[in-house]
């Protein structure tokens, strides 16, 4: 059965009978997990298996936001805590090679945690470039405020995930770092001119244009489209994300239930897909909303289907890794970060 153009969240740590019926009937392309879905390693692995079995697709992608710092759904006591992107940036400032190596190894270790559970997509790296006086929602999730530094560390993190058998999702295209609000709660409007955006926000994403998966930003860029956020703007997707940045991978929305967007969940879904997003991401696990998304998400066909297939084809077997040695090396690297931070 051909998948529909949406990724869905779930209500809790196990599928309900209603969810099983919904998933079987609607056939989402993939799933995304949050803290409400997570208890123990065996429980998470069981949930992942339930998800794939519900749509009779053992290769369906299962996503998670596991960045480190403030944004990581897996954490102690069952999984390690990882540093935020800014910690790698501090190492990079002292030694660019060491900073990139730390970002790569951190992501490689995250990938090991995820593949042990059957999770094969991580919403990482964050390629946003924070600006002065911007909303702190990105903050230390970013690798730094220099676009070349951000793209270098984002590329290293993506390489680490791919080496560990996990697909990276670069976010939030074409940039959330300059946003004047948290798009979870309000629509951010960025008034910077196009020339500034081209050499800062947009520039950080160009070296990452060949990654298989990307996530849109619910942000208005008045220099490009004064009315619509990137997620629902044909201009932003065609002219900026696809043409200027050069990204031709599968583009998913940020969570379609975030308050930055107007209209019903169904209207938002239709608008994002009409604008050129390939897949809609819905995260909160509310079944009534999930039904609205599914009702407005068509079967994956055409370019979107090709991009989806190409993305999944980029999955590969994890490269060999001595986990105890790698974790000890990572601890040593991040100890250096603490030294840099105190200096």
C-alpha atoms as a PDB file:
ATOM      1  CA  UNK A   1       0.000   0.000   0.000  1.00  0.00           C
ATOM      2  CA  UNK A   2       1.357   3.438  -0.917  1.00  0.00           C
ATOM      3  CA  UNK A   3       2.035   5.739   2.043  1.00  0.00           C
ATOM      4  CA  UNK A   4       0.310   9.051   2.582  1.00  0.00           C
ATOM      5  CA  UNK A   5       2.243  12.300   2.816  1.00  0.00           C
ATOM      6  CA  UNK A   6       2.349  12.661   6.582  1.00  0.00           C
ATOM      7  CA  UNK A   7       4.319  11.645   9.648  1.00  0.00           C
ATOM      8  CA  UNK A   8       2.343  11.175  12.839  1.00  0.00           C
ATOM      9  CA  UNK A   9       2.915  11.345  16.547  1.00  0.00           C
ATOM     10  CA  UNK A  10       1.290   8.990  19.057  1.00  0.00           C
ATOM     11  CA  UNK A  11      -0.508   9.536  22.344  1.00  0.00           C
ATOM     12  CA  UNK A  12       1.461   7.351  24.740  1.00  0.00           C
ATOM     13  CA  UNK A  13       3.918   4.503  25.341  1.00  0.00           C
ATOM     14  CA  UNK A  14       1.859   1.900  23.449  1.00  0.00           C
ATOM     15  CA  UNK A  15      -0.568   2.034  20.563  1.00  0.00           C
ATOM     16  CA  UNK A  16      -4.238   2.233  21.491  1.00  0.00           C
ATOM     17  CA  UNK A  17      -6.787   0.161  19.552  1.00  0.00           C
ATOM     18  CA  UNK A  18      -8.074   3.388  17.985  1.00  0.00           C
ATOM     19  CA  UNK A  19      -4.573   4.330  16.863  1.00  0.00           C
ATOM     20  CA  UNK A  20      -3.990   0.900  15.350  1.00  0.00           C
ATOM     21  CA  UNK A  21      -7.166   1.232  13.308  1.00  0.00           C
ATOM     22  CA  UNK A  22      -6.286   4.775  12.252  1.00  0.00           C
ATOM     23  CA  UNK A  23      -2.763   3.832  11.191  1.00  0.00           C
ATOM     24  CA  UNK A  24      -3.899   0.747   9.266  1.00  0.00           C
ATOM     25  CA  UNK A  25      -6.524   2.769   7.393  1.00  0.00           C
ATOM     26  CA  UNK A  26      -4.446   5.874   6.643  1.00  0.00           C
ATOM     27  CA  UNK A  27      -0.906   4.505   6.111  1.00  0.00           C
ATOM     28  CA  UNK A  28       1.336   7.400   7.219  1.00  0.00           C
ATOM     29  CA  UNK A  29       4.824   7.548   5.748  1.00  0.00           C
ATOM     30  CA  UNK A  30       6.408   7.525   9.190  1.00  0.00           C
ATOM     31  CA  UNK A  31       6.170   8.147  12.931  1.00  0.00           C
ATOM     32  CA  UNK A  32       7.743  10.518  15.456  1.00  0.00           C
ATOM     33  CA  UNK A  33       8.326   9.827  19.158  1.00  0.00           C
ATOM     34  CA  UNK A  34       8.321  12.208  22.115  1.00  0.00           C
ATOM     35  CA  UNK A  35       8.952  11.916  25.854  1.00  0.00           C
ATOM     36  CA  UNK A  36       5.338  10.891  26.429  1.00  0.00           C
ATOM     37  CA  UNK A  37       6.084   7.804  24.319  1.00  0.00           C
ATOM     38  CA  UNK A  38       9.216   6.816  26.212  1.00  0.00           C
ATOM     39  CA  UNK A  39       9.671   4.780  29.403  1.00  0.00           C
ATOM     40  CA  UNK A  40      12.313   2.076  29.061  1.00  0.00           C
ATOM     41  CA  UNK A  41      14.473   0.731  26.229  1.00  0.00           C
ATOM     42  CA  UNK A  42      12.407  -2.445  25.828  1.00  0.00           C
ATOM     43  CA  UNK A  43       9.155  -0.459  25.827  1.00  0.00           C
ATOM     44  CA  UNK A  44      10.428   1.960  23.155  1.00  0.00           C
ATOM     45  CA  UNK A  45      11.670  -0.894  20.977  1.00  0.00           C
ATOM     46  CA  UNK A  46       8.249  -2.561  21.320  1.00  0.00           C
ATOM     47  CA  UNK A  47       6.460   0.664  20.367  1.00  0.00           C
ATOM     48  CA  UNK A  48       8.642   1.098  17.296  1.00  0.00           C
ATOM     49  CA  UNK A  49       7.843  -2.450  16.251  1.00  0.00           C
ATOM     50  CA  UNK A  50       4.112  -1.870  16.869  1.00  0.00           C
ATOM     51  CA  UNK A  51       4.179   1.218  14.676  1.00  0.00           C
ATOM     52  CA  UNK A  52       5.736  -0.538  11.732  1.00  0.00           C
ATOM     53  CA  UNK A  53       3.532  -3.590  12.128  1.00  0.00           C
ATOM     54  CA  UNK A  54       0.413  -1.417  12.189  1.00  0.00           C
ATOM     55  CA  UNK A  55       1.052  -0.314   8.599  1.00  0.00           C
ATOM     56  CA  UNK A  56       2.703  -3.574   7.533  1.00  0.00           C
ATOM     57  CA  UNK A  57       5.940  -1.801   6.623  1.00  0.00           C
ATOM     58  CA  UNK A  58       9.094  -2.922   8.452  1.00  0.00           C
ATOM     59  CA  UNK A  59      11.045  -0.136   6.728  1.00  0.00           C
ATOM     60  CA  UNK A  60       8.803   2.779   7.719  1.00  0.00           C
ATOM     61  CA  UNK A  61      10.922   5.609   9.170  1.00  0.00           C
ATOM     62  CA  UNK A  62      10.666   6.371  12.885  1.00  0.00           C
ATOM     63  CA  UNK A  63      11.820   9.851  13.889  1.00  0.00           C
ATOM     64  CA  UNK A  64      12.847  11.521  17.120  1.00  0.00           C
ATOM     65  CA  UNK A  65      14.256  14.888  18.211  1.00  0.00           C
ATOM     66  CA  UNK A  66      17.533  13.920  19.852  1.00  0.00           C
ATOM     67  CA  UNK A  67      19.751  16.993  19.607  1.00  0.00           C
ATOM     68  CA  UNK A  68      21.271  17.148  23.087  1.00  0.00           C
ATOM     69  CA  UNK A  69      20.883  19.877  25.668  1.00  0.00           C
ATOM     70  CA  UNK A  70      17.321  21.160  26.011  1.00  0.00           C
ATOM     71  CA  UNK A  71      16.011  19.010  23.171  1.00  0.00           C
ATOM     72  CA  UNK A  72      16.478  15.297  23.702  1.00  0.00           C
ATOM     73  CA  UNK A  73      13.628  12.866  24.139  1.00  0.00           C
ATOM     74  CA  UNK A  74      15.829  10.045  25.408  1.00  0.00           C
ATOM     75  CA  UNK A  75      17.756  10.779  28.587  1.00  0.00           C
ATOM     76  CA  UNK A  76      18.921   9.472  31.955  1.00  0.00           C
ATOM     77  CA  UNK A  77      18.620   7.023  33.581  1.00  0.00           C
ATOM     78  CA  UNK A  78      18.339   4.787  30.514  1.00  0.00           C
ATOM     79  CA  UNK A  79      20.269   6.908  27.986  1.00  0.00           C
ATOM     80  CA  UNK A  80      23.163   9.374  28.183  1.00  0.00           C
ATOM     81  CA  UNK A  81      22.644  13.119  28.317  1.00  0.00           C
ATOM     82  CA  UNK A  82      24.318  14.901  25.408  1.00  0.00           C
ATOM     83  CA  UNK A  83      25.502  18.508  25.200  1.00  0.00           C
ATOM     84  CA  UNK A  84      23.739  21.156  23.113  1.00  0.00           C
ATOM     85  CA  UNK A  85      25.131  22.293  19.776  1.00  0.00           C
ATOM     86  CA  UNK A  86      26.737  25.343  21.341  1.00  0.00           C
ATOM     87  CA  UNK A  87      29.141  23.130  23.313  1.00  0.00           C
ATOM     88  CA  UNK A  88      30.664  21.881  20.059  1.00  0.00           C
ATOM     89  CA  UNK A  89      30.901  25.470  18.895  1.00  0.00           C
ATOM     90  CA  UNK A  90      33.090  26.340  21.880  1.00  0.00           C
ATOM     91  CA  UNK A  91      35.521  23.568  21.003  1.00  0.00           C
ATOM     92  CA  UNK A  92      35.458  24.652  17.355  1.00  0.00           C
ATOM     93  CA  UNK A  93      36.463  28.192  18.326  1.00  0.00           C
ATOM     94  CA  UNK A  94      39.657  26.854  19.874  1.00  0.00           C
ATOM     95  CA  UNK A  95      40.301  24.121  17.304  1.00  0.00           C
ATOM     96  CA  UNK A  96      38.045  23.714  14.269  1.00  0.00           C
ATOM     97  CA  UNK A  97      39.181  20.153  13.599  1.00  0.00           C
ATOM     98  CA  UNK A  98      38.551  19.097  17.188  1.00  0.00           C
ATOM     99  CA  UNK A  99      35.141  20.789  17.199  1.00  0.00           C
ATOM    100  CA  UNK A 100      34.025  18.954  14.080  1.00  0.00           C
ATOM    101  CA  UNK A 101      35.352  15.649  15.440  1.00  0.00           C
ATOM    102  CA  UNK A 102      33.406  16.132  18.676  1.00  0.00           C
ATOM    103  CA  UNK A 103      30.180  16.953  16.817  1.00  0.00           C
ATOM    104  CA  UNK A 104      30.645  13.920  14.579  1.00  0.00           C
ATOM    105  CA  UNK A 105      31.345  11.554  17.479  1.00  0.00           C
ATOM    106  CA  UNK A 106      28.484  12.924  19.575  1.00  0.00           C
ATOM    107  CA  UNK A 107      26.081  12.282  16.709  1.00  0.00           C
ATOM    108  CA  UNK A 108      27.589   8.847  16.111  1.00  0.00           C
ATOM    109  CA  UNK A 109      26.902   7.929  19.742  1.00  0.00           C
ATOM    110  CA  UNK A 110      23.358   9.264  19.515  1.00  0.00           C
ATOM    111  CA  UNK A 111      22.889   7.077  16.444  1.00  0.00           C
ATOM    112  CA  UNK A 112      24.012   4.045  18.442  1.00  0.00           C
ATOM    113  CA  UNK A 113      21.386   4.805  21.082  1.00  0.00           C
ATOM    114  CA  UNK A 114      18.687   5.174  18.432  1.00  0.00           C
ATOM    115  CA  UNK A 115      19.449   2.134  16.285  1.00  0.00           C
ATOM    116  CA  UNK A 116      19.371  -0.068  19.374  1.00  0.00           C
ATOM    117  CA  UNK A 117      15.688   0.892  19.624  1.00  0.00           C
ATOM    118  CA  UNK A 118      14.881   0.654  15.930  1.00  0.00           C
ATOM    119  CA  UNK A 119      14.708   4.449  15.491  1.00  0.00           C
ATOM    120  CA  UNK A 120      16.342   5.445  12.214  1.00  0.00           C
ATOM    121  CA  UNK A 121      15.776   9.210  11.736  1.00  0.00           C
ATOM    122  CA  UNK A 122      17.004  12.029  13.992  1.00  0.00           C
ATOM    123  CA  UNK A 123      15.783  15.629  13.639  1.00  0.00           C
ATOM    124  CA  UNK A 124      19.349  16.910  13.753  1.00  0.00           C
ATOM    125  CA  UNK A 125      21.417  18.919  12.773  1.00  0.00           C
ATOM    126  CA  UNK A 126      20.206  22.396  13.661  1.00  0.00           C
ATOM    127  CA  UNK A 127      21.622  24.773  11.040  1.00  0.00           C
ATOM    128  CA  UNK A 128      19.960  27.923  12.371  1.00  0.00           C
ATOM    129  CA  UNK A 129      22.168  30.982  12.877  1.00  0.00           C
ATOM    130  CA  UNK A 130      21.102  32.983  15.949  1.00  0.00           C
ATOM    131  CA  UNK A 131      20.995  36.772  15.716  1.00  0.00           C
ATOM    132  CA  UNK A 132      21.205  39.391  18.442  1.00  0.00           C
ATOM    133  CA  UNK A 133      17.874  40.026  20.210  1.00  0.00           C
ATOM    134  CA  UNK A 134      16.254  36.980  18.604  1.00  0.00           C
ATOM    135  CA  UNK A 135      13.892  34.771  20.591  1.00  0.00           C
ATOM    136  CA  UNK A 136      15.913  32.283  22.721  1.00  0.00           C
ATOM    137  CA  UNK A 137      14.034  29.227  21.392  1.00  0.00           C
ATOM    138  CA  UNK A 138      17.137  28.327  19.345  1.00  0.00           C
ATOM    139  CA  UNK A 139      19.841  29.725  21.629  1.00  0.00           C
ATOM    140  CA  UNK A 140      22.482  27.140  22.509  1.00  0.00           C
ATOM    141  CA  UNK A 141      20.819  24.575  20.267  1.00  0.00           C
ATOM    142  CA  UNK A 142      22.764  26.349  17.509  1.00  0.00           C
ATOM    143  CA  UNK A 143      26.422  25.616  16.868  1.00  0.00           C
ATOM    144  CA  UNK A 144      27.246  29.317  16.742  1.00  0.00           C
ATOM    145  CA  UNK A 145      26.500  32.640  15.080  1.00  0.00           C
ATOM    146  CA  UNK A 146      28.813  32.278  12.086  1.00  0.00           C
ATOM    147  CA  UNK A 147      27.199  30.534   9.100  1.00  0.00           C
ATOM    148  CA  UNK A 148      30.359  28.774   7.935  1.00  0.00           C
ATOM    149  CA  UNK A 149      30.981  27.439  11.434  1.00  0.00           C
ATOM    150  CA  UNK A 150      27.351  26.339  11.746  1.00  0.00           C
ATOM    151  CA  UNK A 151      27.395  24.502   8.430  1.00  0.00           C
ATOM    152  CA  UNK A 152      30.734  22.818   9.209  1.00  0.00           C
ATOM    153  CA  UNK A 153      29.496  21.467  12.540  1.00  0.00           C
ATOM    154  CA  UNK A 154      26.084  20.575  11.132  1.00  0.00           C
ATOM    155  CA  UNK A 155      27.763  18.627   8.363  1.00  0.00           C
ATOM    156  CA  UNK A 156      29.929  16.789  10.896  1.00  0.00           C
ATOM    157  CA  UNK A 157      26.869  15.862  12.974  1.00  0.00           C
ATOM    158  CA  UNK A 158      25.050  14.634   9.869  1.00  0.00           C
ATOM    159  CA  UNK A 159      28.054  12.497   8.972  1.00  0.00           C
ATOM    160  CA  UNK A 160      28.057  10.986  12.455  1.00  0.00           C
ATOM    161  CA  UNK A 161      24.387  10.059  12.231  1.00  0.00           C
ATOM    162  CA  UNK A 162      24.748   8.555   8.767  1.00  0.00           C
ATOM    163  CA  UNK A 163      27.766   6.513   9.877  1.00  0.00           C
ATOM    164  CA  UNK A 164      25.589   5.130  12.651  1.00  0.00           C
ATOM    165  CA  UNK A 165      22.749   4.110  10.352  1.00  0.00           C
ATOM    166  CA  UNK A 166      20.479   7.072  11.157  1.00  0.00           C
ATOM    167  CA  UNK A 167      19.160   9.629   8.676  1.00  0.00           C
ATOM    168  CA  UNK A 168      19.656  13.290   9.630  1.00  0.00           C
ATOM    169  CA  UNK A 169      16.963  15.961   9.220  1.00  0.00           C
ATOM    170  CA  UNK A 170      18.479  19.424   8.744  1.00  0.00           C
ATOM    171  CA  UNK A 171      16.371  22.124  10.357  1.00  0.00           C
ATOM    172  CA  UNK A 172      14.745  24.672  10.276  1.00  0.00           C
ATOM    173  CA  UNK A 173      14.904  25.667   6.605  1.00  0.00           C
ATOM    174  CA  UNK A 174      15.640  28.388   5.595  1.00  0.00           C
ATOM    175  CA  UNK A 175      16.473  29.548   9.134  1.00  0.00           C
ATOM    176  CA  UNK A 176      14.933  30.066  12.578  1.00  0.00           C
ATOM    177  CA  UNK A 177      17.835  31.785  14.309  1.00  0.00           C
ATOM    178  CA  UNK A 178      16.694  35.336  13.538  1.00  0.00           C
ATOM    179  CA  UNK A 179      13.070  34.700  14.574  1.00  0.00           C
ATOM    180  CA  UNK A 180      11.570  37.202  16.998  1.00  0.00           C
ATOM    181  CA  UNK A 181       9.192  34.654  18.556  1.00  0.00           C
ATOM    182  CA  UNK A 182       8.936  30.974  19.413  1.00  0.00           C
ATOM    183  CA  UNK A 183       6.948  29.417  16.574  1.00  0.00           C
ATOM    184  CA  UNK A 184       5.458  26.899  19.003  1.00  0.00           C
ATOM    185  CA  UNK A 185       3.387  29.797  20.347  1.00  0.00           C
ATOM    186  CA  UNK A 186       3.398  32.656  17.828  1.00  0.00           C
ATOM    187  CA  UNK A 187       4.280  33.407  14.204  1.00  0.00           C
ATOM    188  CA  UNK A 188       7.800  34.902  13.985  1.00  0.00           C
ATOM    189  CA  UNK A 189       8.355  37.672  11.428  1.00  0.00           C
ATOM    190  CA  UNK A 190      11.875  38.406  10.186  1.00  0.00           C
ATOM    191  CA  UNK A 191      12.390  41.808   8.576  1.00  0.00           C
ATOM    192  CA  UNK A 192      16.029  41.458   7.504  1.00  0.00           C
ATOM    193  CA  UNK A 193      16.800  42.353   3.890  1.00  0.00           C
ATOM    194  CA  UNK A 194      17.447  39.638   1.334  1.00  0.00           C
ATOM    195  CA  UNK A 195      21.162  40.423   1.002  1.00  0.00           C
ATOM    196  CA  UNK A 196      21.649  39.906   4.740  1.00  0.00           C
ATOM    197  CA  UNK A 197      19.659  36.686   4.737  1.00  0.00           C
ATOM    198  CA  UNK A 198      21.637  35.334   1.801  1.00  0.00           C
ATOM    199  CA  UNK A 199      24.977  35.670   3.603  1.00  0.00           C
ATOM    200  CA  UNK A 200      23.785  34.540   7.058  1.00  0.00           C
ATOM    201  CA  UNK A 201      20.620  32.483   7.584  1.00  0.00           C
ATOM    202  CA  UNK A 202      20.362  30.984   4.110  1.00  0.00           C
ATOM    203  CA  UNK A 203      24.129  30.596   3.706  1.00  0.00           C
ATOM    204  CA  UNK A 204      24.388  28.081   6.551  1.00  0.00           C
ATOM    205  CA  UNK A 205      22.087  25.663   4.709  1.00  0.00           C
ATOM    206  CA  UNK A 206      23.751  25.713   1.289  1.00  0.00           C
ATOM    207  CA  UNK A 207      26.642  23.355   2.182  1.00  0.00           C
ATOM    208  CA  UNK A 208      24.005  20.957   3.570  1.00  0.00           C
ATOM    209  CA  UNK A 209      21.812  20.941   0.469  1.00  0.00           C
ATOM    210  CA  UNK A 210      22.677  17.339  -0.375  1.00  0.00           C
ATOM    211  CA  UNK A 211      21.295  15.904   2.877  1.00  0.00           C
ATOM    212  CA  UNK A 212      18.350  13.558   2.387  1.00  0.00           C
ATOM    213  CA  UNK A 213      15.801  15.218   4.687  1.00  0.00           C
ATOM    214  CA  UNK A 214      14.973  18.779   5.681  1.00  0.00           C
ATOM    215  CA  UNK A 215      12.428  20.497   7.935  1.00  0.00           C
ATOM    216  CA  UNK A 216      10.756  23.808   7.174  1.00  0.00           C
ATOM    217  CA  UNK A 217      10.516  26.826   9.470  1.00  0.00           C
ATOM    218  CA  UNK A 218       7.224  28.432  10.471  1.00  0.00           C
ATOM    219  CA  UNK A 219       8.803  31.861   9.955  1.00  0.00           C
ATOM    220  CA  UNK A 220       7.845  34.794   7.722  1.00  0.00           C
ATOM    221  CA  UNK A 221      10.727  36.424   5.827  1.00  0.00           C
ATOM    222  CA  UNK A 222       9.274  39.730   4.650  1.00  0.00           C
ATOM    223  CA  UNK A 223      12.042  40.287   2.083  1.00  0.00           C
ATOM    224  CA  UNK A 224      10.890  37.139   0.235  1.00  0.00           C
ATOM    225  CA  UNK A 225       7.212  36.701   1.087  1.00  0.00           C
ATOM    226  CA  UNK A 226       5.696  39.358   3.382  1.00  0.00           C
ATOM    227  CA  UNK A 227       2.597  37.328   4.171  1.00  0.00           C
ATOM    228  CA  UNK A 228       3.251  33.598   4.539  1.00  0.00           C
ATOM    229  CA  UNK A 229       5.679  31.550   6.667  1.00  0.00           C
ATOM    230  CA  UNK A 230       8.140  29.369   4.782  1.00  0.00           C
ATOM    231  CA  UNK A 231       6.097  26.233   5.515  1.00  0.00           C
ATOM    232  CA  UNK A 232       3.096  27.471   3.519  1.00  0.00           C
ATOM    233  CA  UNK A 233       4.840  29.798   1.054  1.00  0.00           C
ATOM    234  CA  UNK A 234       5.331  28.565  -2.496  1.00  0.00           C
ATOM    235  CA  UNK A 235       7.766  31.461  -3.009  1.00  0.00           C
ATOM    236  CA  UNK A 236       9.919  30.490  -0.034  1.00  0.00           C
ATOM    237  CA  UNK A 237      10.012  26.817  -0.943  1.00  0.00           C
ATOM    238  CA  UNK A 238      10.554  27.228  -4.685  1.00  0.00           C
ATOM    239  CA  UNK A 239      12.775  30.299  -4.769  1.00  0.00           C
ATOM    240  CA  UNK A 240      14.707  30.045  -1.510  1.00  0.00           C
ATOM    241  CA  UNK A 241      14.803  26.446  -0.247  1.00  0.00           C
ATOM    242  CA  UNK A 242      14.858  24.694  -3.613  1.00  0.00           C
ATOM    243  CA  UNK A 243      16.584  27.278  -5.822  1.00  0.00           C
ATOM    244  CA  UNK A 244      18.781  29.568  -3.698  1.00  0.00           C
ATOM    245  CA  UNK A 245      19.802  26.991  -1.094  1.00  0.00           C
ATOM    246  CA  UNK A 246      19.667  24.169  -3.636  1.00  0.00           C
ATOM    247  CA  UNK A 247      17.994  21.592  -1.410  1.00  0.00           C
ATOM    248  CA  UNK A 248      16.349  18.778  -3.374  1.00  0.00           C
ATOM    249  CA  UNK A 249      15.813  16.285  -0.579  1.00  0.00           C
ATOM    250  CA  UNK A 250      12.516  15.439   1.071  1.00  0.00           C
ATOM    251  CA  UNK A 251      11.108  18.540   2.789  1.00  0.00           C
ATOM    252  CA  UNK A 252       8.851  17.958   5.778  1.00  0.00           C
ATOM    253  CA  UNK A 253       7.046  20.642   7.724  1.00  0.00           C
ATOM    254  CA  UNK A 254       7.868  21.513  11.279  1.00  0.00           C
ATOM    255  CA  UNK A 255       5.031  20.366  13.531  1.00  0.00           C
ATOM    256  CA  UNK A 256       1.834  21.436  11.773  1.00  0.00           C
ATOM    257  CA  UNK A 257       0.047  21.833  15.135  1.00  0.00           C
ATOM    258  CA  UNK A 258       2.317  24.678  16.299  1.00  0.00           C
ATOM    259  CA  UNK A 259       0.546  27.956  16.992  1.00  0.00           C
ATOM    260  CA  UNK A 260       2.542  29.925  14.415  1.00  0.00           C
ATOM    261  CA  UNK A 261       0.181  28.641  11.727  1.00  0.00           C
ATOM    262  CA  UNK A 262      -3.367  29.787  11.054  1.00  0.00           C
ATOM    263  CA  UNK A 263      -6.440  27.784  10.105  1.00  0.00           C
ATOM    264  CA  UNK A 264      -7.634  24.327  11.030  1.00  0.00           C
ATOM    265  CA  UNK A 265      -5.177  21.440  11.110  1.00  0.00           C
ATOM    266  CA  UNK A 266      -6.661  20.221   7.835  1.00  0.00           C
ATOM    267  CA  UNK A 267      -6.259  23.642   6.222  1.00  0.00           C
ATOM    268  CA  UNK A 268      -2.664  23.902   7.403  1.00  0.00           C
ATOM    269  CA  UNK A 269      -1.917  20.464   6.002  1.00  0.00           C
ATOM    270  CA  UNK A 270      -3.376  21.313   2.609  1.00  0.00           C
ATOM    271  CA  UNK A 271      -1.596  24.684   2.499  1.00  0.00           C
ATOM    272  CA  UNK A 272       1.819  23.214   3.313  1.00  0.00           C
ATOM    273  CA  UNK A 273       1.527  20.520   0.679  1.00  0.00           C
ATOM    274  CA  UNK A 274       0.225  22.996  -1.908  1.00  0.00           C
ATOM    275  CA  UNK A 275       3.202  25.240  -1.193  1.00  0.00           C
ATOM    276  CA  UNK A 276       5.646  22.454  -2.007  1.00  0.00           C
ATOM    277  CA  UNK A 277       6.373  20.605   1.230  1.00  0.00           C
ATOM    278  CA  UNK A 278       6.600  16.886   0.479  1.00  0.00           C
ATOM    279  CA  UNK A 279       5.320  15.615   3.814  1.00  0.00           C
ATOM    280  CA  UNK A 280       3.419  17.068   6.776  1.00  0.00           C
ATOM    281  CA  UNK A 281       4.704  16.404  10.292  1.00  0.00           C
ATOM    282  CA  UNK A 282       2.068  16.235  13.047  1.00  0.00           C
ATOM    283  CA  UNK A 283       3.407  15.660  16.525  1.00  0.00           C
ATOM    284  CA  UNK A 284       0.951  16.022  19.417  1.00  0.00           C
ATOM    285  CA  UNK A 285      -0.694  12.606  19.195  1.00  0.00           C
ATOM    286  CA  UNK A 286      -4.259  13.966  19.307  1.00  0.00           C
ATOM    287  CA  UNK A 287      -6.293  11.538  17.270  1.00  0.00           C
ATOM    288  CA  UNK A 288      -8.883  14.070  16.110  1.00  0.00           C
ATOM    289  CA  UNK A 289      -6.127  16.223  14.644  1.00  0.00           C
ATOM    290  CA  UNK A 290      -4.360  13.200  13.189  1.00  0.00           C
ATOM    291  CA  UNK A 291      -7.530  12.375  11.300  1.00  0.00           C
ATOM    292  CA  UNK A 292      -7.661  15.897   9.852  1.00  0.00           C
ATOM    293  CA  UNK A 293      -4.057  15.608   8.689  1.00  0.00           C
ATOM    294  CA  UNK A 294      -4.680  12.225   7.074  1.00  0.00           C
ATOM    295  CA  UNK A 295      -7.832  13.457   5.331  1.00  0.00           C
ATOM    296  CA  UNK A 296      -5.844  16.250   3.670  1.00  0.00           C
ATOM    297  CA  UNK A 297      -2.640  14.322   2.941  1.00  0.00           C
ATOM    298  CA  UNK A 298      -2.655  12.601  -0.454  1.00  0.00           C
ATOM    299  CA  UNK A 299      -0.762   9.478  -1.378  1.00  0.00           C
ATOM    300  CA  UNK A 300       2.922  10.105  -1.972  1.00  0.00           C
ATOM    301  CA  UNK A 301       3.421  10.401  -5.728  1.00  0.00           C
ATOM    302  CA  UNK A 302       5.597  12.192  -8.271  1.00  0.00           C
ATOM    303  CA  UNK A 303       8.655  14.117  -7.103  1.00  0.00           C
ATOM    304  CA  UNK A 304       7.684  13.739  -3.460  1.00  0.00           C
ATOM    305  CA  UNK A 305       7.593   9.955  -3.768  1.00  0.00           C
ATOM    306  CA  UNK A 306      10.996   9.967  -5.481  1.00  0.00           C
ATOM    307  CA  UNK A 307      12.466  12.172  -2.768  1.00  0.00           C
ATOM    308  CA  UNK A 308      11.031   9.908  -0.078  1.00  0.00           C
ATOM    309  CA  UNK A 309      12.459   6.814  -1.737  1.00  0.00           C
ATOM    310  CA  UNK A 310      15.830   8.493  -2.221  1.00  0.00           C
ATOM    311  CA  UNK A 311      15.952   9.518   1.430  1.00  0.00           C
ATOM    312  CA  UNK A 312      15.229   6.017   2.694  1.00  0.00           C
ATOM    313  CA  UNK A 313      17.772   4.584   0.266  1.00  0.00           C
ATOM    314  CA  UNK A 314      20.426   6.674   2.052  1.00  0.00           C
ATOM    315  CA  UNK A 315      20.068   4.502   5.165  1.00  0.00           C
ATOM    316  CA  UNK A 316      22.992   2.154   5.629  1.00  0.00           C
ATOM    317  CA  UNK A 317      24.357  -0.331   8.089  1.00  0.00           C
ATOM    318  CA  UNK A 318      26.119   1.296  11.051  1.00  0.00           C
ATOM    319  CA  UNK A 319      29.876   1.357  10.739  1.00  0.00           C
ATOM    320  CA  UNK A 320      31.756  -0.624  13.407  1.00  0.00           C
ATOM    321  CA  UNK A 321      32.210   1.221  16.698  1.00  0.00           C
ATOM    322  CA  UNK A 322      33.698   0.205  20.022  1.00  0.00           C
ATOM    323  CA  UNK A 323      31.072   1.913  22.192  1.00  0.00           C
ATOM    324  CA  UNK A 324      32.932   1.983  25.543  1.00  0.00           C
ATOM    325  CA  UNK A 325      36.037   3.407  23.879  1.00  0.00           C
ATOM    326  CA  UNK A 326      34.000   5.914  21.879  1.00  0.00           C
ATOM    327  CA  UNK A 327      32.095   7.095  24.946  1.00  0.00           C
ATOM    328  CA  UNK A 328      35.320   7.550  26.881  1.00  0.00           C
ATOM    329  CA  UNK A 329      36.819   9.522  24.009  1.00  0.00           C
ATOM    330  CA  UNK A 330      33.705  11.685  23.789  1.00  0.00           C
ATOM    331  CA  UNK A 331      33.847  12.416  27.518  1.00  0.00           C
ATOM    332  CA  UNK A 332      37.460  13.478  27.087  1.00  0.00           C
ATOM    333  CA  UNK A 333      36.550  15.766  24.190  1.00  0.00           C
ATOM    334  CA  UNK A 334      33.716  17.415  26.085  1.00  0.00           C
ATOM    335  CA  UNK A 335      35.919  17.851  29.137  1.00  0.00           C
ATOM    336  CA  UNK A 336      37.978  20.045  26.864  1.00  0.00           C
ATOM    337  CA  UNK A 337      34.785  21.969  26.051  1.00  0.00           C
ATOM    338  CA  UNK A 338      34.288  22.706  29.752  1.00  0.00           C
ATOM    339  CA  UNK A 339      37.837  23.994  29.952  1.00  0.00           C
ATOM    340  CA  UNK A 340      37.219  26.258  26.983  1.00  0.00           C
ATOM    341  CA  UNK A 341      33.965  27.464  28.552  1.00  0.00           C
ATOM    342  CA  UNK A 342      35.762  28.436  31.770  1.00  0.00           C
ATOM    343  CA  UNK A 343      38.602  30.172  29.948  1.00  0.00           C
END
